[in-house]
Amino acid sequence: MYPAHVEEYDKLAAGARKRKAGASEDSPSKKRLKQPSIGGLLSNANMVSQAAVDDAIANFVIGSLQPLRVVEHPDFISLIATLQPNRKVMCRQTLRSRIAEAAKEMKQKLVKTLGDKAAVATTTDCWTAYGKSYIGVTVHWIHVDTLDRKSACLALRRLEGSHT
């Protein structure tokens, strides 16, 4: 054991237990510390912030290609209320603006990334899915440090009529 550390601990622990002279238990100037109950701790154990809920909803809608109106569906609202009772679901307009802002940031990041590349390659592809035709443009480059191939979608549009 380290005697200096034990001595310092004893001083700190003794100082925390001493009460000021003349202060009574019921004095309003004295703050009472209350240890949280186990129930209170457990009820907040799975709570996440509103920002985290909003991000998760946006990621769900984008990742699963859901229509924006899904956030207004009563069953979806009920799901979020069941999982996080103190959190709200954002409206469709808020979701739309968040997605637009995320797309803008992603575009700026891609422009910055591609700005210092000596060479890039682009590809174009057309395909049909569920009876609808699409065209996509993709950019490809090599990461200078890791020599990994990287790709990003530049554009995606629906084509009217057949693409053959």
N, C-alpha and C. Protein backbone atom coordinates (compact mmCIF):
# COMPACT_ATOMS: atom_id res chain seq x y z
N MET A 1 0.84 -1.19 0.00
CA MET A 1 0.00 0.00 0.00
C MET A 1 0.88 1.24 0.00
N TYR A 2 0.31 2.33 -0.43
CA TYR A 2 0.99 3.61 -0.46
C TYR A 2 0.46 4.45 0.69
N PRO A 3 1.26 4.62 1.74
CA PRO A 3 0.77 5.36 2.91
C PRO A 3 0.33 6.79 2.58
N ALA A 4 1.01 7.46 1.66
CA ALA A 4 0.63 8.83 1.32
C ALA A 4 -0.75 8.87 0.69
N HIS A 5 -1.06 7.90 -0.13
CA HIS A 5 -2.37 7.85 -0.78
C HIS A 5 -3.48 7.53 0.22
N VAL A 6 -3.18 6.62 1.14
CA VAL A 6 -4.17 6.25 2.15
C VAL A 6 -4.45 7.45 3.05
N GLU A 7 -3.41 8.17 3.40
CA GLU A 7 -3.56 9.34 4.24
C GLU A 7 -4.40 10.42 3.54
N GLU A 8 -4.12 10.64 2.25
CA GLU A 8 -4.87 11.63 1.48
C GLU A 8 -6.33 11.22 1.36
N TYR A 9 -6.57 9.94 1.14
CA TYR A 9 -7.94 9.43 1.04
C TYR A 9 -8.69 9.66 2.36
N ASP A 10 -8.04 9.35 3.48
CA ASP A 10 -8.68 9.52 4.79
C ASP A 10 -9.06 10.98 5.02
N LYS A 11 -8.19 11.91 4.61
CA LYS A 11 -8.49 13.33 4.77
C LYS A 11 -9.70 13.73 3.94
N LEU A 12 -9.72 13.30 2.69
CA LEU A 12 -10.84 13.65 1.81
C LEU A 12 -12.15 13.03 2.30
N ALA A 13 -12.09 11.79 2.73
CA ALA A 13 -13.29 11.10 3.20
C ALA A 13 -13.80 11.73 4.50
N ALA A 14 -12.89 12.10 5.40
CA ALA A 14 -13.30 12.71 6.67
C ALA A 14 -13.89 14.09 6.42
N GLY A 15 -13.33 14.83 5.48
CA GLY A 15 -13.84 16.17 5.17
C GLY A 15 -15.23 16.11 4.59
N ALA A 16 -15.54 15.10 3.84
CA ALA A 16 -16.85 14.97 3.23
C ALA A 16 -17.92 14.63 4.26
N ARG A 17 -17.51 14.00 5.37
CA ARG A 17 -18.48 13.59 6.38
C ARG A 17 -18.74 14.67 7.42
N LYS A 18 -17.85 15.63 7.55
CA LYS A 18 -18.03 16.65 8.58
C LYS A 18 -19.15 17.60 8.19
N ARG A 19 -19.89 18.02 9.18
CA ARG A 19 -20.94 19.01 8.97
C ARG A 19 -20.46 20.35 9.49
N LYS A 20 -20.94 21.41 8.88
CA LYS A 20 -20.57 22.73 9.32
C LYS A 20 -21.19 23.00 10.68
N ALA A 21 -20.46 23.70 11.51
CA ALA A 21 -20.96 24.02 12.84
C ALA A 21 -22.13 24.98 12.72
N GLY A 22 -23.19 24.72 13.48
CA GLY A 22 -24.32 25.61 13.52
C GLY A 22 -25.35 25.35 12.43
N ALA A 23 -25.08 24.49 11.48
CA ALA A 23 -26.05 24.20 10.41
C ALA A 23 -26.94 23.06 10.85
N SER A 24 -28.21 23.28 10.74
CA SER A 24 -29.15 22.23 11.15
C SER A 24 -29.57 21.42 9.95
N GLU A 25 -30.18 20.28 10.19
CA GLU A 25 -30.65 19.38 9.13
C GLU A 25 -31.69 20.05 8.25
N ASP A 26 -32.54 20.88 8.86
CA ASP A 26 -33.66 21.46 8.13
C ASP A 26 -33.32 22.82 7.53
N SER A 27 -32.06 23.20 7.55
CA SER A 27 -31.66 24.50 7.02
C SER A 27 -31.90 24.56 5.51
N PRO A 28 -32.59 25.62 5.03
CA PRO A 28 -32.84 25.72 3.58
C PRO A 28 -31.57 25.97 2.79
N SER A 29 -30.54 26.52 3.45
CA SER A 29 -29.31 26.79 2.72
C SER A 29 -28.51 25.53 2.45
N LYS A 30 -28.80 24.47 3.17
CA LYS A 30 -28.08 23.23 2.99
C LYS A 30 -28.78 22.39 1.91
N LYS A 31 -28.03 22.01 0.91
CA LYS A 31 -28.58 21.18 -0.15
C LYS A 31 -28.58 19.73 0.29
N ARG A 32 -29.68 19.09 0.03
CA ARG A 32 -29.75 17.66 0.33
C ARG A 32 -29.48 16.89 -0.95
N LEU A 33 -28.56 15.99 -0.87
CA LEU A 33 -28.25 15.15 -2.02
C LEU A 33 -29.11 13.90 -1.91
N LYS A 34 -29.70 13.53 -3.02
CA LYS A 34 -30.56 12.36 -3.02
C LYS A 34 -30.01 11.37 -4.02
N GLN A 35 -29.80 10.17 -3.54
CA GLN A 35 -29.34 9.12 -4.43
C GLN A 35 -30.50 8.68 -5.31
N PRO A 36 -30.27 8.56 -6.63
CA PRO A 36 -31.37 8.15 -7.51
C PRO A 36 -31.82 6.73 -7.20
N SER A 37 -33.10 6.51 -7.37
CA SER A 37 -33.62 5.17 -7.11
C SER A 37 -33.27 4.26 -8.28
N ILE A 38 -33.29 2.98 -8.02
CA ILE A 38 -33.00 2.00 -9.06
C ILE A 38 -34.04 2.09 -10.16
N GLY A 39 -35.29 2.28 -9.79
CA GLY A 39 -36.35 2.41 -10.79
C GLY A 39 -36.13 3.60 -11.69
N GLY A 40 -35.68 4.71 -11.12
CA GLY A 40 -35.40 5.90 -11.91
C GLY A 40 -34.25 5.69 -12.88
N LEU A 41 -33.24 4.97 -12.42
CA LEU A 41 -32.11 4.69 -13.30
C LEU A 41 -32.51 3.74 -14.42
N LEU A 42 -33.29 2.72 -14.08
CA LEU A 42 -33.70 1.75 -15.10
C LEU A 42 -34.66 2.35 -16.10
N SER A 43 -35.49 3.30 -15.68
CA SER A 43 -36.44 3.90 -16.63
C SER A 43 -35.72 4.75 -17.66
N ASN A 44 -34.55 5.28 -17.33
CA ASN A 44 -33.78 6.09 -18.27
C ASN A 44 -32.67 5.30 -18.95
N ALA A 45 -32.59 3.99 -18.67
CA ALA A 45 -31.49 3.19 -19.19
C ALA A 45 -31.49 3.13 -20.72
N ASN A 46 -32.64 3.10 -21.33
CA ASN A 46 -32.71 2.97 -22.77
C ASN A 46 -33.13 4.26 -23.47
N MET A 47 -33.10 5.37 -22.78
CA MET A 47 -33.49 6.65 -23.37
C MET A 47 -32.37 7.16 -24.27
N VAL A 48 -32.76 7.65 -25.42
CA VAL A 48 -31.82 8.28 -26.33
C VAL A 48 -32.31 9.70 -26.60
N SER A 49 -31.44 10.52 -27.09
CA SER A 49 -31.79 11.92 -27.32
C SER A 49 -32.74 12.05 -28.52
N GLN A 50 -33.43 13.18 -28.59
CA GLN A 50 -34.32 13.45 -29.71
C GLN A 50 -33.54 13.48 -31.01
N ALA A 51 -32.33 14.03 -30.96
CA ALA A 51 -31.49 14.09 -32.17
C ALA A 51 -31.14 12.69 -32.66
N ALA A 52 -30.88 11.77 -31.74
CA ALA A 52 -30.57 10.39 -32.13
C ALA A 52 -31.79 9.72 -32.76
N VAL A 53 -32.97 9.99 -32.22
CA VAL A 53 -34.20 9.43 -32.79
C VAL A 53 -34.42 10.00 -34.19
N ASP A 54 -34.23 11.30 -34.36
CA ASP A 54 -34.40 11.94 -35.67
C ASP A 54 -33.43 11.36 -36.69
N ASP A 55 -32.17 11.18 -36.28
CA ASP A 55 -31.17 10.61 -37.19
C ASP A 55 -31.54 9.18 -37.57
N ALA A 56 -32.00 8.40 -36.60
CA ALA A 56 -32.38 7.01 -36.87
C ALA A 56 -33.56 6.94 -37.84
N ILE A 57 -34.53 7.83 -37.66
CA ILE A 57 -35.68 7.86 -38.57
C ILE A 57 -35.23 8.23 -39.98
N ALA A 58 -34.39 9.24 -40.11
CA ALA A 58 -33.91 9.66 -41.43
C ALA A 58 -33.12 8.52 -42.08
N ASN A 59 -32.26 7.86 -41.32
CA ASN A 59 -31.49 6.74 -41.86
C ASN A 59 -32.40 5.60 -42.31
N PHE A 60 -33.46 5.34 -41.54
CA PHE A 60 -34.42 4.30 -41.90
C PHE A 60 -35.11 4.63 -43.22
N VAL A 61 -35.60 5.86 -43.35
CA VAL A 61 -36.33 6.26 -44.55
C VAL A 61 -35.41 6.22 -45.77
N ILE A 62 -34.19 6.72 -45.63
CA ILE A 62 -33.25 6.74 -46.75
C ILE A 62 -32.79 5.33 -47.09
N GLY A 63 -32.36 4.59 -46.09
CA GLY A 63 -31.79 3.26 -46.31
C GLY A 63 -32.78 2.24 -46.84
N SER A 64 -34.03 2.35 -46.47
CA SER A 64 -35.02 1.38 -46.92
C SER A 64 -35.91 1.92 -48.02
N LEU A 65 -35.55 3.10 -48.54
CA LEU A 65 -36.27 3.74 -49.64
C LEU A 65 -37.76 3.90 -49.34
N GLN A 66 -38.05 4.32 -48.13
CA GLN A 66 -39.44 4.54 -47.73
C GLN A 66 -39.91 5.89 -48.25
N PRO A 67 -41.20 6.01 -48.51
CA PRO A 67 -41.72 7.34 -48.87
C PRO A 67 -41.67 8.25 -47.64
N LEU A 68 -41.55 9.54 -47.86
CA LEU A 68 -41.45 10.47 -46.74
C LEU A 68 -42.70 10.45 -45.87
N ARG A 69 -43.83 10.10 -46.45
CA ARG A 69 -45.08 10.10 -45.69
C ARG A 69 -45.12 9.02 -44.60
N VAL A 70 -44.14 8.11 -44.58
CA VAL A 70 -44.14 7.06 -43.57
C VAL A 70 -44.08 7.66 -42.16
N VAL A 71 -43.47 8.85 -42.01
CA VAL A 71 -43.37 9.45 -40.67
C VAL A 71 -44.72 9.96 -40.17
N GLU A 72 -45.70 10.06 -41.06
CA GLU A 72 -47.04 10.52 -40.66
C GLU A 72 -48.00 9.36 -40.43
N HIS A 73 -47.55 8.14 -40.69
CA HIS A 73 -48.42 6.98 -40.53
C HIS A 73 -48.62 6.69 -39.04
N PRO A 74 -49.86 6.50 -38.60
CA PRO A 74 -50.13 6.28 -37.17
C PRO A 74 -49.38 5.09 -36.58
N ASP A 75 -49.21 4.02 -37.35
CA ASP A 75 -48.49 2.86 -36.83
C ASP A 75 -47.01 3.16 -36.62
N PHE A 76 -46.42 3.96 -37.49
CA PHE A 76 -45.02 4.34 -37.33
C PHE A 76 -44.86 5.23 -36.10
N ILE A 77 -45.76 6.18 -35.96
CA ILE A 77 -45.72 7.06 -34.78
C ILE A 77 -45.88 6.25 -33.51
N SER A 78 -46.77 5.26 -33.55
CA SER A 78 -46.99 4.38 -32.39
C SER A 78 -45.74 3.57 -32.08
N LEU A 79 -45.05 3.10 -33.12
CA LEU A 79 -43.81 2.35 -32.92
C LEU A 79 -42.77 3.19 -32.19
N ILE A 80 -42.56 4.41 -32.64
CA ILE A 80 -41.58 5.28 -32.00
C ILE A 80 -42.00 5.61 -30.57
N ALA A 81 -43.30 5.87 -30.36
CA ALA A 81 -43.80 6.18 -29.02
C ALA A 81 -43.63 4.99 -28.08
N THR A 82 -43.75 3.78 -28.60
CA THR A 82 -43.56 2.58 -27.77
C THR A 82 -42.09 2.42 -27.41
N LEU A 83 -41.21 2.64 -28.37
CA LEU A 83 -39.78 2.45 -28.12
C LEU A 83 -39.17 3.59 -27.31
N GLN A 84 -39.62 4.81 -27.58
CA GLN A 84 -39.11 5.99 -26.88
C GLN A 84 -40.28 6.89 -26.50
N PRO A 85 -40.92 6.63 -25.36
CA PRO A 85 -42.15 7.35 -25.00
C PRO A 85 -42.02 8.87 -24.91
N ASN A 86 -40.86 9.38 -24.59
CA ASN A 86 -40.69 10.82 -24.42
C ASN A 86 -40.18 11.52 -25.68
N ARG A 87 -40.15 10.82 -26.79
CA ARG A 87 -39.64 11.39 -28.04
C ARG A 87 -40.75 11.50 -29.07
N LYS A 88 -40.59 12.44 -29.98
CA LYS A 88 -41.59 12.70 -31.01
C LYS A 88 -41.03 12.34 -32.39
N VAL A 89 -41.92 12.10 -33.33
CA VAL A 89 -41.54 11.83 -34.70
C VAL A 89 -41.60 13.15 -35.46
N MET A 90 -40.54 13.43 -36.23
CA MET A 90 -40.52 14.67 -37.01
C MET A 90 -41.56 14.61 -38.12
N CYS A 91 -41.97 15.77 -38.58
CA CYS A 91 -42.96 15.83 -39.65
C CYS A 91 -42.27 15.60 -41.01
N ARG A 92 -43.08 15.41 -42.03
CA ARG A 92 -42.57 15.13 -43.37
C ARG A 92 -41.71 16.27 -43.89
N GLN A 93 -42.10 17.50 -43.63
CA GLN A 93 -41.34 18.65 -44.13
C GLN A 93 -39.96 18.73 -43.47
N THR A 94 -39.90 18.44 -42.18
CA THR A 94 -38.61 18.44 -41.48
C THR A 94 -37.72 17.34 -42.04
N LEU A 95 -38.30 16.16 -42.25
CA LEU A 95 -37.53 15.05 -42.81
C LEU A 95 -37.00 15.42 -44.19
N ARG A 96 -37.84 16.01 -45.02
CA ARG A 96 -37.42 16.41 -46.37
C ARG A 96 -36.26 17.39 -46.30
N SER A 97 -36.34 18.38 -45.42
CA SER A 97 -35.26 19.36 -45.32
C SER A 97 -33.97 18.73 -44.79
N ARG A 98 -34.09 17.78 -43.87
CA ARG A 98 -32.89 17.09 -43.36
C ARG A 98 -32.22 16.26 -44.44
N ILE A 99 -33.03 15.58 -45.27
CA ILE A 99 -32.48 14.78 -46.35
C ILE A 99 -31.82 15.69 -47.38
N ALA A 100 -32.45 16.81 -47.69
CA ALA A 100 -31.86 17.76 -48.65
C ALA A 100 -30.54 18.31 -48.12
N GLU A 101 -30.49 18.63 -46.85
CA GLU A 101 -29.26 19.15 -46.24
C GLU A 101 -28.17 18.08 -46.24
N ALA A 102 -28.53 16.83 -45.94
CA ALA A 102 -27.55 15.74 -45.96
C ALA A 102 -27.01 15.53 -47.38
N ALA A 103 -27.88 15.61 -48.38
CA ALA A 103 -27.44 15.46 -49.77
C ALA A 103 -26.50 16.59 -50.16
N LYS A 104 -26.80 17.80 -49.72
CA LYS A 104 -25.94 18.95 -50.01
C LYS A 104 -24.55 18.77 -49.40
N GLU A 105 -24.52 18.32 -48.15
CA GLU A 105 -23.24 18.08 -47.47
C GLU A 105 -22.46 16.97 -48.15
N MET A 106 -23.17 15.91 -48.57
CA MET A 106 -22.51 14.80 -49.24
C MET A 106 -21.92 15.25 -50.57
N LYS A 107 -22.63 16.10 -51.30
CA LYS A 107 -22.14 16.61 -52.58
C LYS A 107 -20.89 17.46 -52.36
N GLN A 108 -20.90 18.33 -51.35
CA GLN A 108 -19.74 19.15 -51.05
C GLN A 108 -18.53 18.29 -50.68
N LYS A 109 -18.78 17.24 -49.92
CA LYS A 109 -17.70 16.34 -49.52
C LYS A 109 -17.13 15.61 -50.74
N LEU A 110 -18.00 15.18 -51.66
CA LEU A 110 -17.55 14.49 -52.86
C LEU A 110 -16.76 15.42 -53.77
N VAL A 111 -17.23 16.66 -53.92
CA VAL A 111 -16.50 17.64 -54.74
C VAL A 111 -15.11 17.87 -54.16
N LYS A 112 -15.03 17.98 -52.85
CA LYS A 112 -13.74 18.18 -52.19
C LYS A 112 -12.84 16.95 -52.39
N THR A 113 -13.41 15.77 -52.26
CA THR A 113 -12.64 14.54 -52.43
C THR A 113 -12.11 14.41 -53.85
N LEU A 114 -12.97 14.67 -54.83
CA LEU A 114 -12.57 14.52 -56.23
C LEU A 114 -11.70 15.67 -56.72
N GLY A 115 -11.71 16.79 -56.01
CA GLY A 115 -10.95 17.96 -56.43
C GLY A 115 -9.46 17.74 -56.49
N ASP A 116 -8.93 16.88 -55.65
CA ASP A 116 -7.48 16.67 -55.63
C ASP A 116 -7.05 15.38 -56.33
N LYS A 117 -7.95 14.74 -57.05
CA LYS A 117 -7.61 13.50 -57.76
C LYS A 117 -7.02 13.85 -59.13
N ALA A 118 -5.97 13.13 -59.49
CA ALA A 118 -5.34 13.35 -60.79
C ALA A 118 -6.18 12.77 -61.90
N ALA A 119 -6.87 11.66 -61.63
CA ALA A 119 -7.68 11.01 -62.66
C ALA A 119 -8.86 10.30 -62.01
N VAL A 120 -9.97 10.33 -62.70
CA VAL A 120 -11.16 9.59 -62.29
C VAL A 120 -11.74 8.93 -63.53
N ALA A 121 -12.58 7.94 -63.30
CA ALA A 121 -13.28 7.29 -64.42
C ALA A 121 -14.77 7.37 -64.13
N THR A 122 -15.55 7.50 -65.18
CA THR A 122 -17.00 7.52 -65.01
C THR A 122 -17.61 6.38 -65.81
N THR A 123 -18.71 5.87 -65.31
CA THR A 123 -19.46 4.83 -66.02
C THR A 123 -20.92 5.22 -66.05
N THR A 124 -21.59 4.76 -67.07
CA THR A 124 -23.02 5.00 -67.21
C THR A 124 -23.69 3.66 -67.41
N ASP A 125 -24.84 3.47 -66.80
CA ASP A 125 -25.55 2.21 -66.93
C ASP A 125 -27.04 2.48 -66.99
N CYS A 126 -27.73 1.69 -67.78
CA CYS A 126 -29.19 1.74 -67.85
C CYS A 126 -29.73 0.38 -67.43
N TRP A 127 -30.86 0.38 -66.76
CA TRP A 127 -31.49 -0.88 -66.36
C TRP A 127 -32.98 -0.68 -66.18
N THR A 128 -33.66 -1.80 -66.05
CA THR A 128 -35.09 -1.79 -65.83
C THR A 128 -35.38 -2.52 -64.53
N ALA A 129 -36.22 -1.94 -63.72
CA ALA A 129 -36.64 -2.57 -62.47
C ALA A 129 -38.13 -2.30 -62.30
N TYR A 130 -38.89 -3.36 -62.08
CA TYR A 130 -40.33 -3.26 -61.90
C TYR A 130 -41.00 -2.51 -63.04
N GLY A 131 -40.52 -2.78 -64.26
CA GLY A 131 -41.13 -2.19 -65.45
C GLY A 131 -40.78 -0.73 -65.68
N LYS A 132 -39.82 -0.18 -64.93
CA LYS A 132 -39.41 1.22 -65.11
C LYS A 132 -37.93 1.26 -65.46
N SER A 133 -37.56 2.18 -66.35
CA SER A 133 -36.17 2.29 -66.82
C SER A 133 -35.45 3.40 -66.06
N TYR A 134 -34.16 3.17 -65.80
CA TYR A 134 -33.33 4.12 -65.07
C TYR A 134 -31.99 4.26 -65.75
N ILE A 135 -31.34 5.39 -65.55
CA ILE A 135 -29.96 5.61 -65.99
C ILE A 135 -29.18 6.16 -64.79
N GLY A 136 -27.97 5.65 -64.63
CA GLY A 136 -27.12 6.08 -63.52
C GLY A 136 -25.73 6.40 -64.00
N VAL A 137 -25.11 7.39 -63.39
CA VAL A 137 -23.73 7.78 -63.69
C VAL A 137 -22.92 7.64 -62.40
N THR A 138 -21.80 6.92 -62.50
CA THR A 138 -20.97 6.64 -61.33
C THR A 138 -19.56 7.12 -61.60
N VAL A 139 -18.89 7.63 -60.58
CA VAL A 139 -17.49 8.04 -60.69
C VAL A 139 -16.65 7.07 -59.86
N HIS A 140 -15.47 6.75 -60.36
CA HIS A 140 -14.56 5.81 -59.69
C HIS A 140 -13.18 6.44 -59.60
N TRP A 141 -12.46 6.14 -58.52
CA TRP A 141 -11.10 6.64 -58.34
C TRP A 141 -10.35 5.71 -57.40
N ILE A 142 -9.03 5.89 -57.37
CA ILE A 142 -8.17 5.09 -56.50
C ILE A 142 -7.72 5.98 -55.34
N HIS A 143 -7.89 5.49 -54.11
CA HIS A 143 -7.42 6.21 -52.92
C HIS A 143 -5.89 6.17 -52.92
N VAL A 144 -5.26 7.32 -52.84
CA VAL A 144 -3.81 7.43 -53.00
C VAL A 144 -3.05 6.65 -51.93
N ASP A 145 -3.47 6.72 -50.69
CA ASP A 145 -2.73 6.09 -49.59
C ASP A 145 -2.93 4.58 -49.52
N THR A 146 -4.18 4.13 -49.68
CA THR A 146 -4.48 2.71 -49.48
C THR A 146 -4.60 1.93 -50.78
N LEU A 147 -4.64 2.61 -51.90
CA LEU A 147 -4.84 2.01 -53.22
C LEU A 147 -6.17 1.24 -53.31
N ASP A 148 -7.12 1.62 -52.48
CA ASP A 148 -8.47 1.04 -52.55
C ASP A 148 -9.26 1.71 -53.66
N ARG A 149 -10.11 0.93 -54.34
CA ARG A 149 -11.00 1.50 -55.33
C ARG A 149 -12.19 2.13 -54.62
N LYS A 150 -12.53 3.32 -55.00
CA LYS A 150 -13.66 4.04 -54.41
C LYS A 150 -14.64 4.40 -55.52
N SER A 151 -15.91 4.48 -55.19
CA SER A 151 -16.95 4.85 -56.16
C SER A 151 -18.00 5.71 -55.48
N ALA A 152 -18.66 6.51 -56.30
CA ALA A 152 -19.77 7.32 -55.81
C ALA A 152 -20.75 7.53 -56.95
N CYS A 153 -22.01 7.59 -56.62
CA CYS A 153 -23.06 7.84 -57.60
C CYS A 153 -23.14 9.34 -57.85
N LEU A 154 -23.04 9.73 -59.11
CA LEU A 154 -23.14 11.15 -59.46
C LEU A 154 -24.56 11.54 -59.82
N ALA A 155 -25.28 10.65 -60.50
CA ALA A 155 -26.63 10.98 -60.92
C ALA A 155 -27.44 9.70 -61.12
N LEU A 156 -28.73 9.83 -60.91
CA LEU A 156 -29.66 8.73 -61.13
C LEU A 156 -30.98 9.34 -61.57
N ARG A 157 -31.46 8.93 -62.73
CA ARG A 157 -32.71 9.47 -63.25
C ARG A 157 -33.56 8.35 -63.84
N ARG A 158 -34.84 8.55 -63.80
CA ARG A 158 -35.75 7.63 -64.45
C ARG A 158 -35.88 8.02 -65.92
N LEU A 159 -35.84 7.03 -66.78
CA LEU A 159 -36.00 7.26 -68.21
C LEU A 159 -37.43 6.94 -68.59
N GLU A 160 -37.99 7.78 -69.42
CA GLU A 160 -39.33 7.51 -69.95
C GLU A 160 -39.16 6.64 -71.18
N GLY A 161 -39.92 5.60 -71.28
CA GLY A 161 -39.86 4.70 -72.42
C GLY A 161 -38.76 3.66 -72.25
N SER A 162 -38.54 2.90 -73.29
CA SER A 162 -37.55 1.81 -73.25
C SER A 162 -36.15 2.37 -73.39
N HIS A 163 -35.18 1.73 -72.73
CA HIS A 163 -33.79 2.16 -72.83
C HIS A 163 -33.00 1.27 -73.78
N THR A 164 -33.66 0.34 -74.46
CA THR A 164 -32.95 -0.56 -75.37
C THR A 164 -32.73 0.09 -76.71
